[in-house]
Amino acid sequence: MKRKELMSLMRVADTEVRESKLMLSHCPTPFELICFHSHQAVEKYLKAFLIFNDIKFSEQSHILPALNELCEKVDCKFENLIPVCWKLAQYANIIKYPRDNDLDMRAATEAVEHAIEVKWFVPIIHLRSAIGYNELDSVWVCNKFG
């Protein structure tokens, strides 16, 4: 069950990052969608790390700084993600509650870059595996639960 849940979270998060990158080239560029999906990807990466380490969290929690704080209790290096989590946290409800915003290509590109940063930060540095994370088959999950 745990292995399946982790693989699912990582697969969906990877898809959100990949799709956000692709949307950067759309015209008109859907800045809100890109930022929202970048937030969602980071949320899933953090939750996968917490599940991997048997750390309990509220299933309803979408607050990136709070999730990151729980990750910090396992590994203090998550402190490096505090600015990223605070930056992306503002996009949690951008689709649900539309409003005038100043989102532009720079903000959308930055959101995607942050999601990619977290994508590589979580599995490689914090699972301390020489294997590393393989987007195609989630090797880091298979290694622990294989």
N, C-alpha and C. Protein backbone atom coordinates (compact mmCIF):
# COMPACT_ATOMS: atom_id res chain seq x y z
N MET A 1 0.83 -1.20 0.00
CA MET A 1 0.00 0.00 0.00
C MET A 1 0.87 1.26 0.00
N LYS A 2 1.84 1.30 0.90
CA LYS A 2 2.70 2.47 1.01
C LYS A 2 3.49 2.68 -0.28
N ARG A 3 4.03 1.60 -0.82
CA ARG A 3 4.82 1.70 -2.05
C ARG A 3 3.96 2.24 -3.19
N LYS A 4 2.74 1.72 -3.30
CA LYS A 4 1.82 2.16 -4.36
C LYS A 4 1.48 3.65 -4.21
N GLU A 5 1.21 4.06 -2.98
CA GLU A 5 0.88 5.46 -2.72
C GLU A 5 2.04 6.38 -3.08
N LEU A 6 3.24 5.98 -2.72
CA LEU A 6 4.43 6.78 -3.05
C LEU A 6 4.63 6.87 -4.55
N MET A 7 4.52 5.75 -5.23
CA MET A 7 4.71 5.75 -6.68
C MET A 7 3.66 6.62 -7.35
N SER A 8 2.43 6.56 -6.86
CA SER A 8 1.36 7.38 -7.43
C SER A 8 1.61 8.87 -7.21
N LEU A 9 1.98 9.23 -5.99
CA LEU A 9 2.28 10.64 -5.70
C LEU A 9 3.40 11.16 -6.59
N MET A 10 4.47 10.40 -6.70
CA MET A 10 5.61 10.84 -7.50
C MET A 10 5.25 10.92 -8.98
N ARG A 11 4.50 9.97 -9.47
CA ARG A 11 4.11 9.98 -10.88
C ARG A 11 3.25 11.20 -11.20
N VAL A 12 2.28 11.49 -10.33
CA VAL A 12 1.41 12.65 -10.56
C VAL A 12 2.21 13.95 -10.44
N ALA A 13 3.09 14.03 -9.44
CA ALA A 13 3.92 15.23 -9.27
C ALA A 13 4.81 15.45 -10.49
N ASP A 14 5.42 14.37 -10.97
CA ASP A 14 6.27 14.48 -12.16
C ASP A 14 5.47 14.96 -13.36
N THR A 15 4.25 14.46 -13.49
CA THR A 15 3.39 14.88 -14.60
C THR A 15 3.05 16.36 -14.48
N GLU A 16 2.78 16.82 -13.26
CA GLU A 16 2.46 18.24 -13.07
C GLU A 16 3.65 19.14 -13.42
N VAL A 17 4.85 18.71 -13.08
CA VAL A 17 6.03 19.48 -13.45
C VAL A 17 6.21 19.48 -14.96
N ARG A 18 6.10 18.31 -15.56
CA ARG A 18 6.27 18.19 -17.01
C ARG A 18 5.24 19.05 -17.77
N GLU A 19 3.98 18.97 -17.33
CA GLU A 19 2.93 19.75 -17.98
C GLU A 19 3.12 21.26 -17.77
N SER A 20 3.58 21.64 -16.60
CA SER A 20 3.83 23.06 -16.34
C SER A 20 4.92 23.59 -17.27
N LYS A 21 5.96 22.79 -17.47
CA LYS A 21 7.03 23.19 -18.38
C LYS A 21 6.49 23.35 -19.80
N LEU A 22 5.65 22.42 -20.21
CA LEU A 22 5.06 22.49 -21.56
C LEU A 22 4.17 23.71 -21.72
N MET A 23 3.40 24.03 -20.68
CA MET A 23 2.48 25.18 -20.76
C MET A 23 3.22 26.51 -20.90
N LEU A 24 4.48 26.54 -20.51
CA LEU A 24 5.25 27.79 -20.65
C LEU A 24 5.33 28.23 -22.11
N SER A 25 5.21 27.28 -23.03
CA SER A 25 5.31 27.62 -24.45
C SER A 25 3.96 27.86 -25.11
N HIS A 26 2.87 27.71 -24.37
CA HIS A 26 1.53 27.96 -24.94
C HIS A 26 1.31 29.45 -25.14
N CYS A 27 0.48 29.75 -26.09
CA CYS A 27 0.13 31.14 -26.33
C CYS A 27 -1.39 31.21 -26.46
N PRO A 28 -2.09 31.91 -25.62
CA PRO A 28 -1.55 32.66 -24.48
C PRO A 28 -1.09 31.71 -23.37
N THR A 29 -0.12 32.14 -22.64
CA THR A 29 0.45 31.32 -21.58
C THR A 29 -0.46 31.35 -20.36
N PRO A 30 -0.88 30.17 -19.87
CA PRO A 30 -1.77 30.10 -18.71
C PRO A 30 -0.99 30.21 -17.39
N PHE A 31 -0.57 31.43 -17.06
CA PHE A 31 0.29 31.65 -15.90
C PHE A 31 -0.29 31.06 -14.61
N GLU A 32 -1.59 31.25 -14.40
CA GLU A 32 -2.22 30.75 -13.18
C GLU A 32 -2.13 29.23 -13.08
N LEU A 33 -2.41 28.55 -14.19
CA LEU A 33 -2.33 27.08 -14.19
C LEU A 33 -0.91 26.59 -13.92
N ILE A 34 0.05 27.23 -14.52
CA ILE A 34 1.45 26.84 -14.33
C ILE A 34 1.84 26.97 -12.86
N CYS A 35 1.52 28.10 -12.28
CA CYS A 35 1.86 28.33 -10.87
C CYS A 35 1.12 27.37 -9.95
N PHE A 36 -0.15 27.13 -10.23
CA PHE A 36 -0.94 26.21 -9.42
C PHE A 36 -0.37 24.79 -9.48
N HIS A 37 -0.08 24.31 -10.68
CA HIS A 37 0.43 22.94 -10.81
C HIS A 37 1.84 22.80 -10.25
N SER A 38 2.61 23.86 -10.28
CA SER A 38 3.94 23.83 -9.63
C SER A 38 3.77 23.66 -8.13
N HIS A 39 2.82 24.39 -7.55
CA HIS A 39 2.50 24.24 -6.13
C HIS A 39 2.07 22.81 -5.83
N GLN A 40 1.17 22.29 -6.65
CA GLN A 40 0.65 20.94 -6.43
C GLN A 40 1.75 19.89 -6.49
N ALA A 41 2.68 20.04 -7.42
CA ALA A 41 3.79 19.10 -7.54
C ALA A 41 4.64 19.11 -6.28
N VAL A 42 4.97 20.29 -5.80
CA VAL A 42 5.80 20.39 -4.59
C VAL A 42 5.07 19.79 -3.39
N GLU A 43 3.79 20.04 -3.29
CA GLU A 43 3.00 19.44 -2.20
C GLU A 43 3.11 17.92 -2.23
N LYS A 44 3.02 17.33 -3.41
CA LYS A 44 3.09 15.87 -3.53
C LYS A 44 4.49 15.35 -3.22
N TYR A 45 5.53 16.05 -3.65
CA TYR A 45 6.90 15.63 -3.34
C TYR A 45 7.14 15.64 -1.83
N LEU A 46 6.68 16.69 -1.16
CA LEU A 46 6.87 16.77 0.29
C LEU A 46 6.07 15.68 1.00
N LYS A 47 4.85 15.46 0.57
CA LYS A 47 4.03 14.41 1.19
C LYS A 47 4.64 13.04 0.95
N ALA A 48 5.21 12.82 -0.23
CA ALA A 48 5.86 11.53 -0.50
C ALA A 48 7.03 11.32 0.46
N PHE A 49 7.79 12.37 0.70
CA PHE A 49 8.92 12.26 1.64
C PHE A 49 8.41 11.94 3.05
N LEU A 50 7.34 12.57 3.46
CA LEU A 50 6.79 12.32 4.79
C LEU A 50 6.27 10.89 4.91
N ILE A 51 5.58 10.42 3.91
CA ILE A 51 5.07 9.05 3.91
C ILE A 51 6.24 8.07 3.93
N PHE A 52 7.24 8.33 3.12
CA PHE A 52 8.43 7.47 3.06
C PHE A 52 9.07 7.32 4.43
N ASN A 53 9.02 8.41 5.22
CA ASN A 53 9.65 8.42 6.54
C ASN A 53 8.65 8.19 7.68
N ASP A 54 7.46 7.72 7.34
CA ASP A 54 6.44 7.39 8.34
C ASP A 54 6.09 8.57 9.25
N ILE A 55 6.05 9.77 8.67
CA ILE A 55 5.67 10.97 9.42
C ILE A 55 4.20 11.27 9.12
N LYS A 56 3.42 11.39 10.16
CA LYS A 56 1.98 11.66 10.01
C LYS A 56 1.76 13.15 9.70
N PHE A 57 0.77 13.40 8.86
CA PHE A 57 0.37 14.76 8.52
C PHE A 57 -1.09 14.73 8.14
N SER A 58 -1.71 15.88 8.20
CA SER A 58 -3.12 15.98 7.84
C SER A 58 -3.27 15.80 6.33
N GLU A 59 -4.15 14.91 5.94
CA GLU A 59 -4.41 14.69 4.52
C GLU A 59 -4.94 15.97 3.85
N GLN A 60 -5.53 16.82 4.64
CA GLN A 60 -6.11 18.06 4.12
C GLN A 60 -5.07 19.18 4.02
N SER A 61 -3.86 18.93 4.47
CA SER A 61 -2.86 19.97 4.49
C SER A 61 -2.32 20.27 3.09
N HIS A 62 -2.49 21.51 2.69
CA HIS A 62 -1.98 21.97 1.41
C HIS A 62 -1.00 23.12 1.63
N ILE A 63 -0.64 23.35 2.87
CA ILE A 63 0.21 24.48 3.22
C ILE A 63 1.67 24.04 3.16
N LEU A 64 2.35 24.46 2.11
CA LEU A 64 3.71 24.00 1.87
C LEU A 64 4.66 24.30 3.02
N PRO A 65 4.65 25.50 3.60
CA PRO A 65 5.58 25.74 4.72
C PRO A 65 5.35 24.78 5.89
N ALA A 66 4.10 24.42 6.15
CA ALA A 66 3.81 23.49 7.25
C ALA A 66 4.31 22.08 6.91
N LEU A 67 4.11 21.64 5.68
CA LEU A 67 4.61 20.33 5.26
C LEU A 67 6.14 20.30 5.31
N ASN A 68 6.75 21.39 4.84
CA ASN A 68 8.21 21.47 4.85
C ASN A 68 8.76 21.44 6.27
N GLU A 69 8.04 22.07 7.18
CA GLU A 69 8.47 22.07 8.59
C GLU A 69 8.50 20.64 9.14
N LEU A 70 7.52 19.84 8.76
CA LEU A 70 7.52 18.43 9.17
C LEU A 70 8.72 17.68 8.56
N CYS A 71 9.03 18.00 7.32
CA CYS A 71 10.18 17.37 6.66
C CYS A 71 11.48 17.77 7.36
N GLU A 72 11.55 19.01 7.81
CA GLU A 72 12.74 19.49 8.53
C GLU A 72 13.00 18.69 9.80
N LYS A 73 11.95 18.15 10.40
CA LYS A 73 12.13 17.36 11.62
C LYS A 73 12.86 16.05 11.33
N VAL A 74 12.78 15.60 10.08
CA VAL A 74 13.49 14.39 9.66
C VAL A 74 14.90 14.76 9.21
N ASP A 75 15.00 15.84 8.47
CA ASP A 75 16.30 16.27 7.95
C ASP A 75 16.34 17.80 7.92
N CYS A 76 17.27 18.35 8.66
CA CYS A 76 17.35 19.81 8.79
C CYS A 76 17.69 20.51 7.48
N LYS A 77 18.16 19.78 6.49
CA LYS A 77 18.49 20.40 5.19
C LYS A 77 17.24 20.94 4.48
N PHE A 78 16.07 20.48 4.91
CA PHE A 78 14.84 21.01 4.32
C PHE A 78 14.70 22.51 4.61
N GLU A 79 15.46 23.00 5.54
CA GLU A 79 15.48 24.44 5.81
C GLU A 79 15.79 25.21 4.52
N ASN A 80 16.55 24.60 3.63
CA ASN A 80 16.89 25.24 2.35
C ASN A 80 15.67 25.48 1.47
N LEU A 81 14.59 24.76 1.72
CA LEU A 81 13.39 24.90 0.89
C LEU A 81 12.38 25.90 1.44
N ILE A 82 12.67 26.50 2.59
CA ILE A 82 11.72 27.45 3.19
C ILE A 82 11.32 28.56 2.22
N PRO A 83 12.26 29.25 1.58
CA PRO A 83 11.85 30.32 0.66
C PRO A 83 11.01 29.81 -0.52
N VAL A 84 11.35 28.65 -1.04
CA VAL A 84 10.61 28.05 -2.15
C VAL A 84 9.17 27.77 -1.72
N CYS A 85 9.03 27.17 -0.54
CA CYS A 85 7.68 26.82 -0.06
C CYS A 85 6.83 28.06 0.19
N TRP A 86 7.43 29.09 0.74
CA TRP A 86 6.67 30.33 0.97
C TRP A 86 6.28 30.98 -0.36
N LYS A 87 7.17 30.95 -1.32
CA LYS A 87 6.89 31.55 -2.62
C LYS A 87 5.74 30.82 -3.32
N LEU A 88 5.82 29.48 -3.34
CA LEU A 88 4.79 28.71 -4.03
C LEU A 88 3.47 28.63 -3.25
N ALA A 89 3.52 28.85 -1.95
CA ALA A 89 2.30 28.77 -1.12
C ALA A 89 1.21 29.72 -1.60
N GLN A 90 1.61 30.83 -2.16
CA GLN A 90 0.63 31.82 -2.62
C GLN A 90 -0.21 31.32 -3.80
N TYR A 91 0.21 30.22 -4.42
CA TYR A 91 -0.50 29.71 -5.60
C TYR A 91 -1.47 28.57 -5.27
N ALA A 92 -1.62 28.23 -4.01
CA ALA A 92 -2.45 27.09 -3.61
C ALA A 92 -3.90 27.22 -4.10
N ASN A 93 -4.45 28.40 -4.05
CA ASN A 93 -5.86 28.58 -4.40
C ASN A 93 -6.07 29.50 -5.59
N ILE A 94 -5.05 29.70 -6.37
CA ILE A 94 -5.12 30.67 -7.45
C ILE A 94 -6.16 30.30 -8.51
N ILE A 95 -6.41 29.01 -8.68
CA ILE A 95 -7.41 28.56 -9.65
C ILE A 95 -8.81 28.60 -9.05
N LYS A 96 -8.92 28.22 -7.78
CA LYS A 96 -10.23 28.16 -7.13
C LYS A 96 -10.82 29.54 -6.91
N TYR A 97 -9.96 30.50 -6.59
CA TYR A 97 -10.42 31.85 -6.26
C TYR A 97 -9.71 32.86 -7.16
N PRO A 98 -10.16 32.94 -8.43
CA PRO A 98 -9.49 33.85 -9.37
C PRO A 98 -9.57 35.31 -8.90
N ARG A 99 -8.52 36.01 -9.19
CA ARG A 99 -8.48 37.43 -8.86
C ARG A 99 -7.47 38.09 -9.80
N ASP A 100 -7.51 39.36 -9.86
CA ASP A 100 -6.50 40.06 -10.64
C ASP A 100 -5.15 39.80 -9.99
N ASN A 101 -4.20 39.43 -10.78
CA ASN A 101 -2.87 39.20 -10.24
C ASN A 101 -1.83 39.70 -11.22
N ASP A 102 -0.61 39.70 -10.75
CA ASP A 102 0.49 40.20 -11.57
C ASP A 102 1.33 39.08 -12.15
N LEU A 103 0.74 37.92 -12.31
CA LEU A 103 1.51 36.80 -12.82
C LEU A 103 1.93 37.05 -14.26
N ASP A 104 3.16 36.69 -14.54
CA ASP A 104 3.70 36.85 -15.88
C ASP A 104 4.64 35.68 -16.16
N MET A 105 5.32 35.74 -17.29
CA MET A 105 6.21 34.66 -17.68
C MET A 105 7.32 34.44 -16.64
N ARG A 106 7.81 35.50 -16.06
CA ARG A 106 8.87 35.37 -15.06
C ARG A 106 8.37 34.59 -13.84
N ALA A 107 7.19 34.94 -13.36
CA ALA A 107 6.62 34.26 -12.18
C ALA A 107 6.34 32.79 -12.50
N ALA A 108 5.79 32.52 -13.66
CA ALA A 108 5.47 31.15 -14.05
C ALA A 108 6.74 30.32 -14.22
N THR A 109 7.74 30.89 -14.86
CA THR A 109 9.02 30.19 -15.05
C THR A 109 9.67 29.90 -13.70
N GLU A 110 9.63 30.88 -12.81
CA GLU A 110 10.20 30.71 -11.48
C GLU A 110 9.48 29.60 -10.71
N ALA A 111 8.16 29.54 -10.84
CA ALA A 111 7.37 28.50 -10.15
C ALA A 111 7.78 27.11 -10.65
N VAL A 112 7.95 26.97 -11.94
CA VAL A 112 8.37 25.68 -12.51
C VAL A 112 9.78 25.33 -12.03
N GLU A 113 10.66 26.32 -12.03
CA GLU A 113 12.03 26.07 -11.57
C GLU A 113 12.05 25.63 -10.11
N HIS A 114 11.20 26.23 -9.29
CA HIS A 114 11.11 25.82 -7.88
C HIS A 114 10.62 24.38 -7.76
N ALA A 115 9.61 24.03 -8.55
CA ALA A 115 9.09 22.66 -8.51
C ALA A 115 10.17 21.66 -8.92
N ILE A 116 10.95 22.00 -9.92
CA ILE A 116 12.03 21.12 -10.36
C ILE A 116 13.10 21.02 -9.27
N GLU A 117 13.39 22.12 -8.62
CA GLU A 117 14.35 22.12 -7.52
C GLU A 117 13.92 21.15 -6.42
N VAL A 118 12.66 21.20 -6.04
CA VAL A 118 12.16 20.30 -5.00
C VAL A 118 12.14 18.86 -5.50
N LYS A 119 11.77 18.68 -6.74
CA LYS A 119 11.73 17.33 -7.33
C LYS A 119 13.08 16.63 -7.14
N TRP A 120 14.16 17.31 -7.42
CA TRP A 120 15.48 16.68 -7.31
C TRP A 120 16.01 16.72 -5.89
N PHE A 121 15.62 17.68 -5.12
CA PHE A 121 16.09 17.81 -3.74
C PHE A 121 15.57 16.65 -2.88
N VAL A 122 14.31 16.36 -2.96
CA VAL A 122 13.70 15.37 -2.08
C VAL A 122 14.26 13.97 -2.27
N PRO A 123 14.16 13.36 -3.45
CA PRO A 123 14.62 11.97 -3.53
C PRO A 123 16.12 11.78 -3.48
N ILE A 124 16.89 12.63 -4.09
CA ILE A 124 18.33 12.38 -4.17
C ILE A 124 19.05 12.73 -2.89
N ILE A 125 18.86 13.93 -2.38
CA ILE A 125 19.60 14.35 -1.20
C ILE A 125 19.04 13.69 0.05
N HIS A 126 17.74 13.59 0.17
CA HIS A 126 17.16 13.19 1.44
C HIS A 126 16.86 11.71 1.59
N LEU A 127 16.93 10.96 0.55
CA LEU A 127 16.78 9.53 0.71
C LEU A 127 18.14 8.86 0.73
N ARG A 128 19.17 9.67 0.47
CA ARG A 128 20.57 9.23 0.58
C ARG A 128 20.82 7.91 -0.14
N SER A 129 20.33 7.84 -1.34
CA SER A 129 20.49 6.61 -2.11
C SER A 129 21.46 6.85 -3.26
N ALA A 130 22.39 5.96 -3.44
CA ALA A 130 23.32 6.06 -4.56
C ALA A 130 22.59 5.84 -5.88
N ILE A 131 21.43 5.20 -5.80
CA ILE A 131 20.66 4.91 -7.00
C ILE A 131 20.05 6.19 -7.57
N GLY A 132 19.50 7.04 -6.70
CA GLY A 132 18.83 8.25 -7.17
C GLY A 132 17.43 7.96 -7.68
N TYR A 133 16.70 8.98 -7.94
CA TYR A 133 15.32 8.85 -8.40
C TYR A 133 15.27 8.79 -9.91
N ASN A 134 14.56 7.82 -10.44
CA ASN A 134 14.39 7.68 -11.87
C ASN A 134 12.92 7.95 -12.17
N GLU A 135 12.68 9.01 -12.90
CA GLU A 135 11.30 9.42 -13.18
C GLU A 135 10.50 8.33 -13.88
N LEU A 136 11.16 7.48 -14.63
CA LEU A 136 10.44 6.48 -15.40
C LEU A 136 9.97 5.29 -14.57
N ASP A 137 10.74 4.92 -13.53
CA ASP A 137 10.33 3.74 -12.79
C ASP A 137 10.40 3.91 -11.27
N SER A 138 10.62 5.11 -10.80
CA SER A 138 10.64 5.39 -9.37
C SER A 138 11.54 4.43 -8.61
N VAL A 139 12.78 4.32 -9.03
CA VAL A 139 13.74 3.40 -8.45
C VAL A 139 13.91 3.61 -6.96
N TRP A 140 13.92 4.87 -6.49
CA TRP A 140 14.16 5.12 -5.06
C TRP A 140 13.07 4.52 -4.21
N VAL A 141 11.84 4.47 -4.71
CA VAL A 141 10.76 3.85 -3.94
C VAL A 141 10.92 2.33 -3.98
N CYS A 142 11.22 1.78 -5.16
CA CYS A 142 11.39 0.34 -5.29
C CYS A 142 12.54 -0.15 -4.42
N ASN A 143 13.59 0.65 -4.29
CA ASN A 143 14.74 0.26 -3.50
C ASN A 143 14.37 0.04 -2.04
N LYS A 144 13.53 0.91 -1.48
CA LYS A 144 13.17 0.78 -0.07
C LYS A 144 12.09 -0.28 0.15
N PHE A 145 11.14 -0.36 -0.76
CA PHE A 145 9.98 -1.24 -0.55
C PHE A 145 9.99 -2.47 -1.44
N GLY A 146 10.97 -2.54 -2.34
CA GLY A 146 11.07 -3.55 -3.37
C GLY A 146 10.86 -4.92 -2.97
